């Protein structure tokens, strides 16, 4: 009898999940691409790469950026990077499409547009700066977090004429130097699973258990 009760419970759960699936469209997995800062343009060098990563994720019609510096690296703001913390290009977007999360405690981060081509890393049209931070080594290592609306990853990750995709202005505690580092290629990444995708995996597992119980 106990076995029959367990089989009935599993059957009921599978039926409920199937009905749930009828009323819902499973959202596609969020597509994430990860880049590394490996190219060093600091005067005197900034030490051992990678100097950080850029995580770029397509979320519906928007693209979400997280720029995460490596241990021992701070943000800098110098003329070598046009007084921008981070530079990138974009096709078919305006500065009004960019929303910046205020991750620098007590400071103000801004999205900017212009002609940015400092220190020989090639031309860029967009940047993120800290308008209240001053210049040089900022002593700040918090992530940059911003979203570009109505865009695709491809529109925001094309290399410029010199082959550079992104540029950051950093201070290295390893060498004591500041300057630009850039991204020239991606590193392997995988799609992020959605909640419904995980539910699907769970249903497969339950169905497998059910078949095994029936075979005994």
N, C-alpha and C. Protein backbone atom coordinates (compact mmCIF):
# COMPACT_ATOMS: atom_id res chain seq x y z
N UNK A 1 0.83 -1.21 0.00
CA UNK A 1 0.00 0.00 0.00
C UNK A 1 0.87 1.26 0.00
N UNK A 2 1.92 1.24 0.83
CA UNK A 2 2.80 2.41 0.92
C UNK A 2 3.42 2.74 -0.43
N UNK A 3 3.79 1.69 -1.18
CA UNK A 3 4.37 1.91 -2.51
C UNK A 3 3.36 2.58 -3.42
N UNK A 4 2.10 2.16 -3.35
CA UNK A 4 1.06 2.74 -4.19
C UNK A 4 0.83 4.20 -3.85
N UNK A 5 0.89 4.54 -2.54
CA UNK A 5 0.71 5.93 -2.12
C UNK A 5 1.83 6.79 -2.70
N UNK A 6 3.09 6.28 -2.63
CA UNK A 6 4.21 7.05 -3.15
C UNK A 6 4.07 7.24 -4.66
N UNK A 7 3.62 6.18 -5.37
CA UNK A 7 3.45 6.28 -6.81
C UNK A 7 2.37 7.29 -7.14
N UNK A 8 1.31 7.33 -6.36
CA UNK A 8 0.22 8.27 -6.61
C UNK A 8 0.68 9.70 -6.38
N UNK A 9 1.51 9.90 -5.34
CA UNK A 9 2.01 11.25 -5.06
C UNK A 9 2.90 11.75 -6.19
N UNK A 10 3.76 10.88 -6.68
CA UNK A 10 4.63 11.27 -7.80
C UNK A 10 3.80 11.58 -9.02
N UNK A 11 2.80 10.74 -9.30
CA UNK A 11 1.95 10.95 -10.47
C UNK A 11 1.21 12.28 -10.36
N UNK A 12 0.72 12.60 -9.17
CA UNK A 12 0.00 13.85 -8.98
C UNK A 12 0.91 15.04 -9.21
N UNK A 13 2.14 14.94 -8.71
CA UNK A 13 3.09 16.05 -8.90
C UNK A 13 3.43 16.24 -10.36
N UNK A 14 3.64 15.14 -11.08
CA UNK A 14 3.95 15.25 -12.50
C UNK A 14 2.79 15.84 -13.27
N UNK A 15 1.57 15.47 -12.91
CA UNK A 15 0.40 16.03 -13.58
C UNK A 15 0.29 17.52 -13.31
N UNK A 16 0.53 17.94 -12.05
CA UNK A 16 0.49 19.36 -11.72
C UNK A 16 1.54 20.14 -12.50
N UNK A 17 2.74 19.59 -12.60
CA UNK A 17 3.82 20.27 -13.32
C UNK A 17 3.48 20.39 -14.80
N UNK A 18 2.84 19.35 -15.36
CA UNK A 18 2.47 19.40 -16.77
C UNK A 18 1.44 20.49 -17.01
N UNK A 19 0.46 20.62 -16.08
CA UNK A 19 -0.54 21.67 -16.21
C UNK A 19 0.09 23.04 -16.09
N UNK A 20 1.06 23.16 -15.18
CA UNK A 20 1.77 24.43 -15.02
C UNK A 20 2.48 24.80 -16.30
N UNK A 21 3.07 23.81 -16.95
CA UNK A 21 3.81 24.07 -18.18
C UNK A 21 2.91 24.54 -19.30
N UNK A 22 1.64 24.12 -19.31
CA UNK A 22 0.72 24.54 -20.36
C UNK A 22 0.50 26.03 -20.30
N UNK A 23 0.44 26.60 -19.10
CA UNK A 23 0.14 28.01 -18.94
C UNK A 23 1.35 28.92 -18.97
N UNK A 24 2.55 28.36 -19.06
CA UNK A 24 3.75 29.18 -19.02
C UNK A 24 4.63 28.91 -20.22
N UNK A 25 5.27 29.95 -20.69
CA UNK A 25 6.28 29.79 -21.73
C UNK A 25 7.63 29.83 -21.05
N UNK A 26 8.43 28.78 -21.24
CA UNK A 26 9.73 28.71 -20.58
C UNK A 26 10.64 29.77 -21.18
N UNK A 27 11.17 30.64 -20.32
CA UNK A 27 12.06 31.69 -20.78
C UNK A 27 13.40 31.09 -21.17
N UNK A 28 14.03 31.61 -22.22
CA UNK A 28 15.35 31.10 -22.59
C UNK A 28 16.38 31.43 -21.53
N UNK A 29 17.43 30.61 -21.46
CA UNK A 29 18.50 30.88 -20.50
C UNK A 29 19.16 32.21 -20.83
N UNK A 30 19.53 32.96 -19.80
CA UNK A 30 20.23 34.21 -20.00
C UNK A 30 21.62 33.90 -20.58
N UNK A 31 21.94 34.55 -21.69
CA UNK A 31 23.21 34.28 -22.36
C UNK A 31 24.29 35.22 -21.83
N UNK A 32 25.32 34.65 -21.22
CA UNK A 32 26.40 35.44 -20.63
C UNK A 32 27.71 35.18 -21.38
N UNK A 33 28.46 36.25 -21.60
CA UNK A 33 29.79 36.15 -22.19
C UNK A 33 30.76 36.83 -21.23
N UNK A 34 31.87 36.19 -20.96
CA UNK A 34 32.84 36.73 -20.01
C UNK A 34 34.13 37.10 -20.75
N UNK A 35 34.63 38.29 -20.44
CA UNK A 35 35.87 38.80 -21.04
C UNK A 35 36.89 39.03 -19.93
N UNK A 36 38.18 38.95 -20.29
CA UNK A 36 39.26 39.22 -19.33
C UNK A 36 40.13 40.38 -19.80
N UNK A 37 40.53 41.21 -18.85
CA UNK A 37 41.52 42.25 -19.13
C UNK A 37 42.91 41.60 -19.07
N UNK A 38 43.52 41.45 -20.23
CA UNK A 38 44.83 40.78 -20.27
C UNK A 38 45.92 41.63 -20.93
N UNK A 39 45.55 42.66 -21.66
CA UNK A 39 46.52 43.48 -22.38
C UNK A 39 46.90 44.70 -21.54
N UNK A 40 48.18 44.87 -21.27
CA UNK A 40 48.68 45.86 -20.33
C UNK A 40 49.30 47.04 -21.07
N UNK A 41 48.70 48.24 -20.90
CA UNK A 41 49.25 49.46 -21.50
C UNK A 41 49.76 50.43 -20.43
N UNK A 42 49.89 49.98 -19.19
CA UNK A 42 50.36 50.86 -18.12
C UNK A 42 51.83 51.22 -18.34
N UNK A 43 52.17 52.47 -18.12
CA UNK A 43 53.57 52.88 -18.17
C UNK A 43 54.33 52.20 -17.03
N UNK A 44 55.32 51.39 -17.38
CA UNK A 44 56.04 50.62 -16.38
C UNK A 44 55.38 49.29 -16.05
N UNK A 45 54.18 49.06 -16.59
CA UNK A 45 53.49 47.78 -16.40
C UNK A 45 52.61 47.75 -15.17
N UNK A 46 51.53 46.99 -15.25
CA UNK A 46 50.61 46.83 -14.11
C UNK A 46 50.67 45.43 -13.50
N UNK A 47 51.67 44.65 -13.88
CA UNK A 47 51.85 43.36 -13.21
C UNK A 47 51.31 42.18 -13.97
N UNK A 48 50.78 41.22 -13.23
CA UNK A 48 50.41 39.93 -13.78
C UNK A 48 48.92 39.90 -14.16
N UNK A 49 48.61 39.68 -15.44
CA UNK A 49 47.20 39.57 -15.83
C UNK A 49 46.64 38.20 -15.46
N UNK A 50 45.32 38.03 -15.46
CA UNK A 50 44.31 39.03 -15.83
C UNK A 50 44.08 40.04 -14.71
N UNK A 51 43.67 41.25 -15.14
CA UNK A 51 43.46 42.34 -14.20
C UNK A 51 41.99 42.46 -13.77
N UNK A 52 41.15 41.63 -14.34
CA UNK A 52 39.73 41.65 -14.00
C UNK A 52 38.92 41.05 -15.13
N UNK A 53 37.61 41.04 -14.95
CA UNK A 53 36.71 40.46 -15.95
C UNK A 53 35.56 41.41 -16.24
N UNK A 54 34.96 41.21 -17.41
CA UNK A 54 33.73 41.88 -17.78
C UNK A 54 32.70 40.80 -18.11
N UNK A 55 31.65 40.74 -17.31
CA UNK A 55 30.56 39.78 -17.51
C UNK A 55 29.43 40.51 -18.23
N UNK A 56 29.12 40.07 -19.45
CA UNK A 56 28.11 40.72 -20.29
C UNK A 56 26.97 39.72 -20.52
N UNK A 57 25.76 40.08 -20.08
CA UNK A 57 24.64 39.15 -20.12
C UNK A 57 23.45 39.77 -20.83
N UNK A 58 22.90 39.03 -21.78
CA UNK A 58 21.67 39.45 -22.45
C UNK A 58 20.49 39.12 -21.55
N UNK A 59 19.72 40.14 -21.17
CA UNK A 59 18.54 39.95 -20.32
C UNK A 59 17.36 40.57 -21.06
N UNK A 60 16.64 39.73 -21.79
CA UNK A 60 15.56 40.25 -22.62
C UNK A 60 16.12 41.15 -23.70
N UNK A 61 15.63 42.38 -23.76
CA UNK A 61 16.10 43.33 -24.77
C UNK A 61 17.24 44.22 -24.25
N UNK A 62 17.72 43.94 -23.03
CA UNK A 62 18.78 44.74 -22.43
C UNK A 62 20.06 43.92 -22.28
N UNK A 63 21.17 44.63 -22.10
CA UNK A 63 22.45 43.98 -21.85
C UNK A 63 22.99 44.49 -20.51
N UNK A 64 23.33 43.54 -19.63
CA UNK A 64 23.80 43.87 -18.28
C UNK A 64 25.31 43.65 -18.20
N UNK A 65 26.02 44.64 -17.67
CA UNK A 65 27.48 44.59 -17.51
C UNK A 65 27.84 44.53 -16.03
N UNK A 66 28.77 43.64 -15.68
CA UNK A 66 29.45 43.66 -14.40
C UNK A 66 30.95 43.67 -14.68
N UNK A 67 31.63 44.73 -14.25
CA UNK A 67 33.09 44.82 -14.42
C UNK A 67 33.72 44.60 -13.06
N UNK A 68 34.46 43.51 -12.93
CA UNK A 68 34.99 43.04 -11.64
C UNK A 68 36.52 43.03 -11.70
N UNK A 69 37.15 43.86 -10.89
CA UNK A 69 38.61 43.92 -10.89
C UNK A 69 39.22 42.77 -10.08
N UNK A 70 40.40 42.36 -10.47
CA UNK A 70 41.10 41.29 -9.76
C UNK A 70 41.62 41.79 -8.42
N UNK A 71 41.99 40.85 -7.56
CA UNK A 71 42.57 41.20 -6.26
C UNK A 71 43.84 42.04 -6.47
N UNK A 72 44.00 43.08 -5.65
CA UNK A 72 45.18 43.93 -5.76
C UNK A 72 45.07 45.02 -6.80
N UNK A 73 43.90 45.12 -7.44
CA UNK A 73 43.67 46.14 -8.47
C UNK A 73 42.59 47.11 -7.98
N UNK A 74 42.86 48.40 -8.11
CA UNK A 74 41.86 49.45 -7.83
C UNK A 74 41.53 50.19 -9.12
N UNK A 75 40.44 50.91 -9.07
CA UNK A 75 40.11 51.80 -10.18
C UNK A 75 41.01 53.03 -10.13
N UNK A 76 41.34 53.53 -11.33
CA UNK A 76 42.03 54.80 -11.48
C UNK A 76 41.24 55.66 -12.46
N UNK A 77 41.51 56.94 -12.44
CA UNK A 77 40.85 57.85 -13.38
C UNK A 77 41.91 58.85 -13.85
N UNK A 78 42.44 58.60 -15.05
CA UNK A 78 43.55 59.39 -15.55
C UNK A 78 43.32 59.78 -17.01
N UNK A 79 44.13 60.70 -17.48
CA UNK A 79 44.04 61.12 -18.87
C UNK A 79 44.35 60.02 -19.85
N UNK A 80 45.07 58.99 -19.42
CA UNK A 80 45.40 57.88 -20.32
C UNK A 80 44.16 57.13 -20.80
N UNK A 81 43.08 57.23 -20.02
CA UNK A 81 41.82 56.59 -20.42
C UNK A 81 40.73 57.65 -20.51
N UNK A 82 41.14 58.88 -20.86
CA UNK A 82 40.19 59.98 -21.08
C UNK A 82 39.36 60.28 -19.84
N UNK A 83 39.94 60.03 -18.66
CA UNK A 83 39.27 60.23 -17.38
C UNK A 83 37.96 59.44 -17.27
N UNK A 84 37.99 58.25 -17.88
CA UNK A 84 36.90 57.28 -17.76
C UNK A 84 37.42 56.07 -17.00
N UNK A 85 36.57 55.47 -16.19
CA UNK A 85 36.93 54.22 -15.53
C UNK A 85 36.93 53.06 -16.51
N UNK A 86 35.97 53.10 -17.43
CA UNK A 86 35.73 51.97 -18.33
C UNK A 86 35.19 52.52 -19.64
N UNK A 87 35.69 52.00 -20.76
CA UNK A 87 35.26 52.46 -22.08
C UNK A 87 34.77 51.29 -22.93
N UNK A 88 33.77 51.58 -23.76
CA UNK A 88 33.22 50.55 -24.65
C UNK A 88 32.58 51.23 -25.85
N UNK A 89 32.25 50.45 -26.85
CA UNK A 89 31.54 50.95 -28.03
C UNK A 89 30.16 50.32 -28.12
N UNK A 90 29.29 50.94 -28.89
CA UNK A 90 27.95 50.41 -29.07
C UNK A 90 27.36 50.89 -30.36
N UNK A 91 26.61 50.02 -31.01
CA UNK A 91 25.94 50.36 -32.26
C UNK A 91 24.46 50.60 -31.99
N UNK A 92 23.94 51.75 -32.45
CA UNK A 92 22.52 52.04 -32.34
C UNK A 92 22.05 52.38 -30.95
N UNK A 93 22.95 52.84 -30.07
CA UNK A 93 22.54 53.22 -28.72
C UNK A 93 22.93 54.67 -28.46
N UNK A 94 22.31 55.26 -27.43
CA UNK A 94 22.66 56.60 -26.98
C UNK A 94 23.02 56.53 -25.50
N UNK A 95 23.60 57.59 -24.98
CA UNK A 95 23.98 57.59 -23.57
C UNK A 95 22.74 57.47 -22.68
N UNK A 96 21.57 57.90 -23.17
CA UNK A 96 20.35 57.77 -22.41
C UNK A 96 19.88 56.35 -22.22
N UNK A 97 20.44 55.42 -23.01
CA UNK A 97 20.08 54.00 -22.87
C UNK A 97 20.84 53.33 -21.73
N UNK A 98 21.81 54.02 -21.14
CA UNK A 98 22.70 53.42 -20.14
C UNK A 98 22.25 53.81 -18.73
N UNK A 99 21.99 52.81 -17.91
CA UNK A 99 21.63 53.03 -16.51
C UNK A 99 22.74 52.46 -15.63
N UNK A 100 23.33 53.32 -14.79
CA UNK A 100 24.47 52.92 -13.96
C UNK A 100 24.01 52.75 -12.52
N UNK A 101 24.36 51.62 -11.91
CA UNK A 101 24.09 51.40 -10.49
C UNK A 101 25.18 52.11 -9.67
N UNK A 102 24.77 52.82 -8.62
CA UNK A 102 25.73 53.60 -7.82
C UNK A 102 26.44 52.70 -6.81
N UNK A 103 27.41 51.95 -7.30
CA UNK A 103 28.10 50.97 -6.46
C UNK A 103 29.27 51.56 -5.67
N UNK A 104 29.70 52.78 -6.00
CA UNK A 104 30.80 53.42 -5.28
C UNK A 104 30.19 54.22 -4.13
N UNK A 105 30.32 53.74 -2.93
CA UNK A 105 29.69 54.35 -1.77
C UNK A 105 30.07 55.83 -1.64
N UNK A 106 29.04 56.69 -1.58
CA UNK A 106 29.26 58.11 -1.39
C UNK A 106 29.74 58.85 -2.62
N UNK A 107 29.84 58.17 -3.76
CA UNK A 107 30.32 58.81 -4.99
C UNK A 107 29.23 58.73 -6.06
N UNK A 108 29.48 59.42 -7.18
CA UNK A 108 28.50 59.46 -8.27
C UNK A 108 29.12 58.94 -9.55
N UNK A 109 28.54 57.87 -10.09
CA UNK A 109 28.99 57.28 -11.35
C UNK A 109 28.09 57.77 -12.48
N UNK A 110 28.71 58.07 -13.62
CA UNK A 110 27.98 58.60 -14.77
C UNK A 110 28.32 57.83 -16.03
N UNK A 111 27.34 57.72 -16.93
CA UNK A 111 27.60 57.24 -18.29
C UNK A 111 27.89 58.46 -19.16
N UNK A 112 28.86 58.32 -20.05
CA UNK A 112 29.28 59.44 -20.89
C UNK A 112 29.41 59.00 -22.34
N UNK A 113 29.30 59.96 -23.24
CA UNK A 113 29.58 59.70 -24.65
C UNK A 113 30.52 60.77 -25.17
N UNK A 114 31.34 60.39 -26.14
CA UNK A 114 32.30 61.33 -26.69
C UNK A 114 33.26 60.62 -27.62
N UNK A 115 34.35 61.27 -27.93
CA UNK A 115 35.41 60.67 -28.75
C UNK A 115 36.56 60.36 -27.80
N UNK A 116 36.65 59.10 -27.39
CA UNK A 116 37.65 58.67 -26.41
C UNK A 116 38.70 57.81 -27.11
N UNK A 117 39.93 58.27 -27.15
CA UNK A 117 40.99 57.51 -27.82
C UNK A 117 42.34 57.64 -27.12
N UNK A 118 42.30 57.76 -25.79
CA UNK A 118 43.53 57.98 -25.04
C UNK A 118 44.49 56.80 -25.06
N UNK A 119 45.78 57.10 -25.07
CA UNK A 119 46.88 56.16 -24.87
C UNK A 119 46.98 55.05 -25.91
N UNK A 120 46.52 55.29 -27.10
CA UNK A 120 46.74 54.33 -28.17
C UNK A 120 45.95 53.05 -28.12
N UNK A 121 44.84 53.02 -27.37
CA UNK A 121 44.01 51.80 -27.32
C UNK A 121 42.89 51.83 -28.35
N UNK A 122 42.85 52.87 -29.17
CA UNK A 122 41.84 52.95 -30.21
C UNK A 122 40.62 53.73 -29.79
N UNK A 123 39.74 54.02 -30.74
CA UNK A 123 38.59 54.88 -30.48
C UNK A 123 37.45 54.16 -29.75
N UNK A 124 36.85 54.88 -28.80
CA UNK A 124 35.66 54.41 -28.10
C UNK A 124 34.66 55.57 -28.02
N UNK A 125 33.38 55.21 -27.96
CA UNK A 125 32.32 56.22 -27.97
C UNK A 125 31.60 56.38 -26.64
N UNK A 126 31.74 55.41 -25.72
CA UNK A 126 31.02 55.46 -24.45
C UNK A 126 31.97 55.14 -23.30
N UNK A 127 31.66 55.72 -22.14
CA UNK A 127 32.46 55.46 -20.96
C UNK A 127 31.65 55.59 -19.69
N UNK A 128 32.20 55.04 -18.62
CA UNK A 128 31.64 55.21 -17.28
C UNK A 128 32.70 55.92 -16.45
N UNK A 129 32.31 57.03 -15.80
CA UNK A 129 33.26 57.79 -14.99
C UNK A 129 32.68 58.03 -13.60
N UNK A 130 33.54 58.46 -12.69
CA UNK A 130 33.12 58.87 -11.35
C UNK A 130 33.32 60.38 -11.26
N UNK A 131 32.21 61.13 -11.25
CA UNK A 131 32.30 62.59 -11.31
C UNK A 131 32.74 63.22 -10.00
N UNK A 132 32.72 62.46 -8.92
CA UNK A 132 33.06 63.02 -7.60
C UNK A 132 34.35 62.43 -7.03
N UNK A 133 35.04 61.61 -7.78
CA UNK A 133 36.16 60.84 -7.23
C UNK A 133 37.51 61.51 -7.34
N UNK A 134 37.66 62.49 -8.18
CA UNK A 134 38.99 63.03 -8.42
C UNK A 134 39.75 62.15 -9.41
N UNK A 135 41.08 62.34 -9.46
CA UNK A 135 41.89 61.63 -10.45
C UNK A 135 42.97 60.79 -9.77
N UNK A 136 43.62 59.95 -10.59
CA UNK A 136 44.66 59.07 -10.08
C UNK A 136 44.07 57.81 -9.47
N UNK A 137 44.83 57.15 -8.59
CA UNK A 137 44.37 55.96 -7.90
C UNK A 137 43.21 56.32 -6.98
N UNK A 138 42.04 55.74 -7.21
CA UNK A 138 40.87 56.11 -6.43
C UNK A 138 40.77 55.34 -5.13
N UNK A 139 41.54 54.26 -4.98
CA UNK A 139 41.45 53.43 -3.78
C UNK A 139 40.12 52.70 -3.68
N UNK A 140 39.46 52.50 -4.80
CA UNK A 140 38.15 51.85 -4.86
C UNK A 140 38.25 50.63 -5.75
N UNK A 141 37.68 49.52 -5.30
CA UNK A 141 37.73 48.29 -6.10
C UNK A 141 36.34 47.68 -6.32
N UNK A 142 35.28 48.41 -5.97
CA UNK A 142 33.93 47.88 -6.17
C UNK A 142 33.65 47.64 -7.65
N UNK A 143 32.73 46.70 -7.91
CA UNK A 143 32.35 46.41 -9.29
C UNK A 143 31.66 47.61 -9.93
N UNK A 144 31.84 47.75 -11.24
CA UNK A 144 30.96 48.61 -12.04
C UNK A 144 29.78 47.76 -12.48
N UNK A 145 28.58 48.32 -12.37
CA UNK A 145 27.35 47.58 -12.67
C UNK A 145 26.45 48.52 -13.46
N UNK A 146 26.21 48.18 -14.73
CA UNK A 146 25.33 49.03 -15.53
C UNK A 146 24.60 48.21 -16.59
N UNK A 147 23.52 48.79 -17.11
CA UNK A 147 22.68 48.12 -18.10
C UNK A 147 22.50 49.04 -19.30
N UNK A 148 22.54 48.44 -20.48
CA UNK A 148 22.28 49.16 -21.72
C UNK A 148 20.96 48.65 -22.29
N UNK A 149 19.98 49.54 -22.42
CA UNK A 149 18.65 49.14 -22.89
C UNK A 149 18.61 49.02 -24.41
N UNK A 150 17.73 48.14 -24.86
CA UNK A 150 17.45 47.98 -26.30
C UNK A 150 18.73 47.75 -27.10
N UNK A 151 19.48 46.75 -26.67
CA UNK A 151 20.75 46.44 -27.32
C UNK A 151 20.98 44.94 -27.26
N UNK A 152 21.96 44.47 -28.03
CA UNK A 152 22.38 43.08 -27.99
C UNK A 152 23.85 43.01 -27.62
N UNK A 153 24.27 41.84 -27.18
CA UNK A 153 25.68 41.66 -26.84
C UNK A 153 26.57 41.97 -28.05
N UNK A 154 26.15 41.51 -29.21
CA UNK A 154 26.96 41.72 -30.42
C UNK A 154 27.15 43.21 -30.71
N UNK A 155 26.13 44.02 -30.44
CA UNK A 155 26.22 45.45 -30.71
C UNK A 155 27.15 46.17 -29.74
N UNK A 156 27.49 45.53 -28.62
CA UNK A 156 28.30 46.18 -27.59
C UNK A 156 29.68 45.56 -27.40
N UNK A 157 30.00 44.56 -28.21
CA UNK A 157 31.27 43.85 -28.01
C UNK A 157 32.12 43.75 -29.27
N UNK A 158 31.82 44.56 -30.27
CA UNK A 158 32.65 44.55 -31.48
C UNK A 158 33.97 45.25 -31.19
N UNK A 159 35.06 44.67 -31.65
CA UNK A 159 36.39 45.25 -31.45
C UNK A 159 36.53 46.54 -32.26
N UNK A 160 37.30 47.50 -31.73
CA UNK A 160 37.55 48.72 -32.48
C UNK A 160 38.67 48.48 -33.51
N UNK A 161 39.12 49.56 -34.13
CA UNK A 161 40.09 49.43 -35.23
C UNK A 161 41.40 48.80 -34.79
N UNK A 162 41.72 48.87 -33.50
CA UNK A 162 42.97 48.27 -32.99
C UNK A 162 42.74 46.91 -32.35
N UNK A 163 41.52 46.38 -32.47
CA UNK A 163 41.23 45.05 -31.95
C UNK A 163 40.84 45.01 -30.49
N UNK A 164 40.59 46.17 -29.88
CA UNK A 164 40.24 46.22 -28.47
C UNK A 164 38.73 46.32 -28.29
N UNK A 165 38.20 45.57 -27.32
CA UNK A 165 36.76 45.53 -27.08
C UNK A 165 36.38 46.45 -25.93
N UNK A 166 37.12 46.39 -24.82
CA UNK A 166 36.89 47.24 -23.66
C UNK A 166 38.24 47.73 -23.13
N UNK A 167 38.20 48.86 -22.42
CA UNK A 167 39.39 49.38 -21.75
C UNK A 167 38.99 49.82 -20.34
N UNK A 168 39.85 49.55 -19.37
CA UNK A 168 39.66 50.03 -18.00
C UNK A 168 40.89 50.78 -17.55
N UNK A 169 40.69 51.74 -16.66
CA UNK A 169 41.80 52.49 -16.06
C UNK A 169 42.00 51.93 -14.65
N UNK A 170 43.22 51.44 -14.37
CA UNK A 170 43.44 50.74 -13.09
C UNK A 170 44.70 51.23 -12.39
N UNK A 171 44.77 50.92 -11.09
CA UNK A 171 45.99 51.04 -10.29
C UNK A 171 46.35 49.64 -9.82
N UNK A 172 47.62 49.27 -9.98
CA UNK A 172 48.09 47.96 -9.57
C UNK A 172 48.92 48.07 -8.30
N UNK A 173 48.49 47.38 -7.25
CA UNK A 173 49.29 47.38 -6.02
C UNK A 173 50.56 46.57 -6.19
N UNK A 174 50.62 45.73 -7.21
CA UNK A 174 51.82 44.93 -7.47
C UNK A 174 52.97 45.79 -7.94
N UNK A 175 52.68 46.79 -8.78
CA UNK A 175 53.74 47.61 -9.36
C UNK A 175 53.68 49.08 -8.93
N UNK A 176 52.52 49.48 -8.38
CA UNK A 176 52.35 50.88 -8.02
C UNK A 176 52.06 51.79 -9.19
N UNK A 177 51.74 51.22 -10.33
CA UNK A 177 51.49 52.00 -11.54
C UNK A 177 50.00 52.08 -11.86
N UNK A 178 49.63 53.11 -12.60
CA UNK A 178 48.28 53.24 -13.14
C UNK A 178 48.34 53.21 -14.66
N UNK A 179 47.18 52.97 -15.26
CA UNK A 179 47.11 53.01 -16.72
C UNK A 179 46.04 52.12 -17.27
N UNK A 180 45.92 52.10 -18.59
CA UNK A 180 44.86 51.32 -19.24
C UNK A 180 45.23 49.85 -19.43
N UNK A 181 44.23 49.02 -19.24
CA UNK A 181 44.32 47.60 -19.63
C UNK A 181 43.11 47.33 -20.50
N UNK A 182 43.26 46.37 -21.42
CA UNK A 182 42.14 46.17 -22.33
C UNK A 182 41.81 44.70 -22.54
N UNK A 183 40.66 44.51 -23.14
CA UNK A 183 40.12 43.19 -23.49
C UNK A 183 40.21 43.03 -24.99
N UNK A 184 40.71 41.87 -25.42
CA UNK A 184 40.77 41.59 -26.85
C UNK A 184 40.02 40.33 -27.25
N UNK A 185 39.57 39.51 -26.28
CA UNK A 185 38.87 38.28 -26.63
C UNK A 185 38.05 37.80 -25.44
N UNK A 186 37.19 36.80 -25.69
CA UNK A 186 36.36 36.24 -24.63
C UNK A 186 37.04 35.05 -23.99
N UNK A 187 36.51 34.62 -22.84
CA UNK A 187 36.89 33.34 -22.25
C UNK A 187 35.65 32.47 -22.22
N UNK A 188 35.77 31.14 -22.13
CA UNK A 188 34.59 30.28 -22.21
C UNK A 188 33.57 30.60 -21.13
N UNK A 189 32.29 30.54 -21.50
CA UNK A 189 31.20 30.76 -20.55
C UNK A 189 30.03 29.88 -20.95
N UNK A 190 29.07 29.73 -20.06
CA UNK A 190 27.90 28.89 -20.32
C UNK A 190 26.64 29.65 -19.98
N UNK A 191 25.50 29.30 -20.62
CA UNK A 191 24.25 29.97 -20.28
C UNK A 191 23.87 29.75 -18.83
N UNK A 192 23.24 30.77 -18.23
CA UNK A 192 22.77 30.65 -16.87
C UNK A 192 21.39 30.00 -16.87
N UNK A 193 21.15 28.93 -16.07
CA UNK A 193 19.86 28.26 -16.09
C UNK A 193 18.78 29.12 -15.48
N UNK A 194 17.55 28.99 -16.00
CA UNK A 194 16.40 29.67 -15.42
C UNK A 194 15.73 28.75 -14.40
N UNK A 195 14.84 29.32 -13.60
CA UNK A 195 14.14 28.53 -12.60
C UNK A 195 13.31 27.43 -13.24
N UNK A 196 12.67 27.75 -14.37
CA UNK A 196 11.84 26.74 -15.03
C UNK A 196 12.70 25.64 -15.64
N UNK A 197 13.90 26.00 -16.09
CA UNK A 197 14.79 24.98 -16.62
C UNK A 197 15.19 24.02 -15.51
N UNK A 198 15.45 24.56 -14.31
CA UNK A 198 15.79 23.71 -13.18
C UNK A 198 14.61 22.83 -12.79
N UNK A 199 13.38 23.37 -12.89
CA UNK A 199 12.20 22.57 -12.61
C UNK A 199 12.12 21.41 -13.59
N UNK A 200 12.45 21.69 -14.86
CA UNK A 200 12.43 20.62 -15.85
C UNK A 200 13.39 19.51 -15.51
N UNK A 201 14.59 19.87 -15.03
CA UNK A 201 15.56 18.86 -14.63
C UNK A 201 15.02 18.03 -13.47
N UNK A 202 14.34 18.71 -12.54
CA UNK A 202 13.76 17.99 -11.41
C UNK A 202 12.70 17.01 -11.84
N UNK A 203 11.88 17.41 -12.83
CA UNK A 203 10.83 16.52 -13.32
C UNK A 203 11.41 15.29 -13.99
N UNK A 204 12.50 15.49 -14.73
CA UNK A 204 13.16 14.35 -15.35
C UNK A 204 13.62 13.37 -14.29
N UNK A 205 14.21 13.91 -13.20
CA UNK A 205 14.66 13.04 -12.13
C UNK A 205 13.52 12.30 -11.47
N UNK A 206 12.39 12.96 -11.23
CA UNK A 206 11.24 12.30 -10.62
C UNK A 206 10.67 11.22 -11.53
N UNK A 207 10.63 11.52 -12.83
CA UNK A 207 10.13 10.52 -13.76
C UNK A 207 11.00 9.28 -13.78
N UNK A 208 12.33 9.49 -13.66
CA UNK A 208 13.26 8.36 -13.62
C UNK A 208 13.01 7.50 -12.39
N UNK A 209 12.83 8.18 -11.22
CA UNK A 209 12.54 7.45 -9.98
C UNK A 209 11.26 6.65 -10.12
N UNK A 210 10.25 7.27 -10.74
CA UNK A 210 8.97 6.59 -10.89
C UNK A 210 9.11 5.32 -11.72
N UNK A 211 9.87 5.41 -12.83
CA UNK A 211 10.05 4.22 -13.69
C UNK A 211 10.77 3.13 -12.94
N UNK A 212 11.78 3.51 -12.13
CA UNK A 212 12.52 2.50 -11.37
C UNK A 212 11.63 1.79 -10.36
N UNK A 213 10.76 2.56 -9.70
CA UNK A 213 9.86 1.96 -8.70
C UNK A 213 8.88 0.99 -9.37
N UNK A 214 8.40 1.37 -10.58
CA UNK A 214 7.46 0.52 -11.27
C UNK A 214 8.08 -0.79 -11.74
N UNK A 215 9.40 -0.75 -11.95
CA UNK A 215 10.08 -1.95 -12.45
C UNK A 215 10.33 -2.98 -11.38
N UNK A 216 10.17 -2.59 -10.07
CA UNK A 216 10.41 -3.53 -8.96
C UNK A 216 9.12 -4.25 -8.58
